[in-house]
Amino acid sequence: MKIKYSSDADILLIELKEGNPVDSIDLKEGIILHLDEKGLPIEIEILDASKIVSLKEISVMTPLETSA
């Protein structure tokens, strides 16, 4: 599992396992569950994360990177 945070976009991404997301489910406004081709969860994305999550309590954080 990897936890990434982008302070510029204020997005927290929790990668549960590797894979390519092919579908997503909005669990709640600003909380998105990304699914793989089998319909299994691979990522949880939290928009406006600083308003929802106490970022000080997350100890393992790396910058959110985009694939080129």
N, C-alpha and C. Protein backbone atom coordinates (compact mmCIF):
# COMPACT_ATOMS: atom_id res chain seq x y z
N MET A 1 0.85 -1.17 0.00
CA MET A 1 0.00 0.00 0.00
C MET A 1 0.89 1.23 0.00
N LYS A 2 0.50 2.21 -0.79
CA LYS A 2 1.23 3.47 -0.86
C LYS A 2 0.24 4.60 -0.58
N ILE A 3 0.72 5.62 0.11
CA ILE A 3 -0.09 6.80 0.38
C ILE A 3 0.65 7.99 -0.21
N LYS A 4 -0.03 8.72 -1.08
CA LYS A 4 0.59 9.87 -1.74
C LYS A 4 -0.30 11.08 -1.52
N TYR A 5 0.34 12.25 -1.39
CA TYR A 5 -0.41 13.48 -1.19
C TYR A 5 0.16 14.57 -2.08
N SER A 6 -0.72 15.28 -2.76
CA SER A 6 -0.33 16.45 -3.54
C SER A 6 -0.87 17.69 -2.83
N SER A 7 0.04 18.50 -2.29
CA SER A 7 -0.41 19.72 -1.61
C SER A 7 -0.92 20.74 -2.61
N ASP A 8 -0.39 20.73 -3.84
CA ASP A 8 -0.86 21.66 -4.87
C ASP A 8 -2.32 21.42 -5.21
N ALA A 9 -2.68 20.15 -5.39
CA ALA A 9 -4.06 19.79 -5.75
C ALA A 9 -4.91 19.44 -4.54
N ASP A 10 -4.28 19.27 -3.37
CA ASP A 10 -4.94 18.85 -2.14
C ASP A 10 -5.69 17.52 -2.34
N ILE A 11 -4.94 16.55 -2.91
CA ILE A 11 -5.49 15.22 -3.17
C ILE A 11 -4.67 14.18 -2.43
N LEU A 12 -5.36 13.31 -1.72
CA LEU A 12 -4.73 12.18 -1.04
C LEU A 12 -5.09 10.93 -1.84
N LEU A 13 -4.08 10.15 -2.21
CA LEU A 13 -4.30 8.94 -2.97
C LEU A 13 -3.76 7.76 -2.18
N ILE A 14 -4.64 6.83 -1.88
CA ILE A 14 -4.26 5.61 -1.16
C ILE A 14 -4.30 4.48 -2.17
N GLU A 15 -3.11 3.98 -2.51
CA GLU A 15 -3.00 2.89 -3.47
C GLU A 15 -3.03 1.58 -2.71
N LEU A 16 -4.07 0.80 -2.90
CA LEU A 16 -4.23 -0.46 -2.19
C LEU A 16 -3.42 -1.58 -2.83
N LYS A 17 -3.37 -1.57 -4.15
CA LYS A 17 -2.55 -2.53 -4.90
C LYS A 17 -2.28 -1.93 -6.26
N GLU A 18 -1.27 -2.46 -6.95
CA GLU A 18 -0.93 -1.96 -8.26
C GLU A 18 -1.94 -2.41 -9.29
N GLY A 19 -2.10 -1.58 -10.30
CA GLY A 19 -3.04 -1.90 -11.37
C GLY A 19 -3.50 -0.63 -12.05
N ASN A 20 -4.21 -0.81 -13.13
CA ASN A 20 -4.74 0.33 -13.86
C ASN A 20 -6.23 0.48 -13.58
N PRO A 21 -6.62 1.64 -13.10
CA PRO A 21 -8.06 1.84 -12.85
C PRO A 21 -8.83 1.91 -14.17
N VAL A 22 -9.92 1.16 -14.24
CA VAL A 22 -10.77 1.18 -15.43
C VAL A 22 -12.18 1.68 -15.12
N ASP A 23 -12.49 1.81 -13.84
CA ASP A 23 -13.82 2.28 -13.43
C ASP A 23 -13.68 2.95 -12.08
N SER A 24 -14.68 3.70 -11.69
CA SER A 24 -14.65 4.34 -10.38
C SER A 24 -16.06 4.46 -9.82
N ILE A 25 -16.12 4.56 -8.51
CA ILE A 25 -17.37 4.74 -7.79
C ILE A 25 -17.21 5.92 -6.85
N ASP A 26 -18.13 6.88 -6.91
CA ASP A 26 -18.13 7.98 -5.96
C ASP A 26 -18.77 7.49 -4.67
N LEU A 27 -17.95 7.29 -3.64
CA LEU A 27 -18.47 6.81 -2.36
C LEU A 27 -19.23 7.90 -1.63
N LYS A 28 -18.70 9.09 -1.74
CA LYS A 28 -19.28 10.27 -1.11
C LYS A 28 -18.67 11.44 -1.87
N GLU A 29 -19.23 12.60 -1.78
CA GLU A 29 -18.69 13.74 -2.50
C GLU A 29 -17.21 13.92 -2.14
N GLY A 30 -16.35 13.83 -3.15
CA GLY A 30 -14.92 14.02 -2.94
C GLY A 30 -14.15 12.77 -2.55
N ILE A 31 -14.83 11.63 -2.46
CA ILE A 31 -14.15 10.37 -2.13
C ILE A 31 -14.49 9.36 -3.23
N ILE A 32 -13.43 8.94 -3.96
CA ILE A 32 -13.62 8.11 -5.14
C ILE A 32 -12.87 6.80 -4.96
N LEU A 33 -13.55 5.71 -5.23
CA LEU A 33 -12.94 4.38 -5.20
C LEU A 33 -12.68 3.97 -6.64
N HIS A 34 -11.41 3.71 -6.97
CA HIS A 34 -11.03 3.29 -8.32
C HIS A 34 -10.93 1.77 -8.35
N LEU A 35 -11.46 1.18 -9.43
CA LEU A 35 -11.53 -0.27 -9.57
C LEU A 35 -10.70 -0.75 -10.75
N ASP A 36 -10.20 -1.99 -10.66
CA ASP A 36 -9.46 -2.58 -11.77
C ASP A 36 -10.43 -3.27 -12.73
N GLU A 37 -9.88 -3.98 -13.72
CA GLU A 37 -10.72 -4.62 -14.74
C GLU A 37 -11.61 -5.72 -14.18
N LYS A 38 -11.28 -6.24 -13.00
CA LYS A 38 -12.10 -7.27 -12.36
C LYS A 38 -13.14 -6.68 -11.41
N GLY A 39 -13.14 -5.35 -11.28
CA GLY A 39 -14.06 -4.69 -10.37
C GLY A 39 -13.58 -4.64 -8.94
N LEU A 40 -12.30 -4.93 -8.73
CA LEU A 40 -11.72 -4.92 -7.39
C LEU A 40 -11.11 -3.55 -7.09
N PRO A 41 -11.19 -3.08 -5.85
CA PRO A 41 -10.63 -1.76 -5.51
C PRO A 41 -9.11 -1.77 -5.59
N ILE A 42 -8.58 -0.69 -6.21
CA ILE A 42 -7.12 -0.55 -6.26
C ILE A 42 -6.65 0.77 -5.66
N GLU A 43 -7.52 1.79 -5.66
CA GLU A 43 -7.14 3.10 -5.12
C GLU A 43 -8.34 3.78 -4.47
N ILE A 44 -8.03 4.59 -3.48
CA ILE A 44 -9.02 5.50 -2.89
C ILE A 44 -8.46 6.90 -3.07
N GLU A 45 -9.23 7.76 -3.71
CA GLU A 45 -8.79 9.13 -3.96
C GLU A 45 -9.67 10.07 -3.13
N ILE A 46 -9.04 10.97 -2.39
CA ILE A 46 -9.77 11.92 -1.56
C ILE A 46 -9.44 13.32 -2.04
N LEU A 47 -10.46 14.00 -2.58
CA LEU A 47 -10.30 15.37 -3.05
C LEU A 47 -10.49 16.32 -1.87
N ASP A 48 -9.86 17.48 -1.93
CA ASP A 48 -9.89 18.45 -0.82
C ASP A 48 -9.53 17.74 0.48
N ALA A 49 -8.47 16.97 0.43
CA ALA A 49 -8.07 16.08 1.53
C ALA A 49 -7.85 16.80 2.85
N SER A 50 -7.30 18.00 2.81
CA SER A 50 -7.01 18.70 4.06
C SER A 50 -8.28 19.06 4.83
N LYS A 51 -9.43 19.06 4.17
CA LYS A 51 -10.70 19.35 4.82
C LYS A 51 -11.32 18.09 5.43
N ILE A 52 -10.84 16.90 4.99
CA ILE A 52 -11.46 15.64 5.40
C ILE A 52 -10.56 14.83 6.32
N VAL A 53 -9.26 14.83 6.02
CA VAL A 53 -8.31 13.97 6.71
C VAL A 53 -7.34 14.82 7.51
N SER A 54 -6.99 14.35 8.69
CA SER A 54 -5.97 15.02 9.48
C SER A 54 -4.61 14.60 8.93
N LEU A 55 -4.04 15.41 8.06
CA LEU A 55 -2.81 15.06 7.37
C LEU A 55 -1.62 14.92 8.31
N LYS A 56 -1.67 15.53 9.47
CA LYS A 56 -0.58 15.42 10.44
C LYS A 56 -0.46 13.99 10.98
N GLU A 57 -1.55 13.23 10.93
CA GLU A 57 -1.55 11.86 11.45
C GLU A 57 -1.04 10.85 10.45
N ILE A 58 -0.83 11.27 9.21
CA ILE A 58 -0.31 10.36 8.19
C ILE A 58 1.20 10.50 8.17
N SER A 59 1.89 9.41 8.52
CA SER A 59 3.34 9.50 8.68
C SER A 59 4.11 9.15 7.41
N VAL A 60 3.53 8.37 6.51
CA VAL A 60 4.24 7.98 5.30
C VAL A 60 3.58 8.68 4.14
N MET A 61 4.25 9.71 3.63
CA MET A 61 3.68 10.48 2.54
C MET A 61 4.75 10.77 1.50
N THR A 62 4.39 10.66 0.24
CA THR A 62 5.26 11.01 -0.85
C THR A 62 4.48 11.89 -1.80
N PRO A 63 5.17 12.70 -2.59
CA PRO A 63 4.43 13.55 -3.53
C PRO A 63 3.63 12.74 -4.52
N LEU A 64 2.47 13.24 -4.86
CA LEU A 64 1.62 12.60 -5.86
C LEU A 64 2.25 12.83 -7.22
N GLU A 65 2.53 11.75 -7.92
CA GLU A 65 3.16 11.87 -9.23
C GLU A 65 2.18 11.48 -10.30
N THR A 66 2.33 12.10 -11.46
CA THR A 66 1.48 11.74 -12.60
C THR A 66 2.31 10.96 -13.59
N SER A 67 1.68 10.00 -14.20
CA SER A 67 2.37 9.18 -15.21
C SER A 67 2.43 9.95 -16.52
N ALA A 68 3.54 9.85 -17.18
CA ALA A 68 3.69 10.55 -18.47
C ALA A 68 3.45 9.59 -19.62
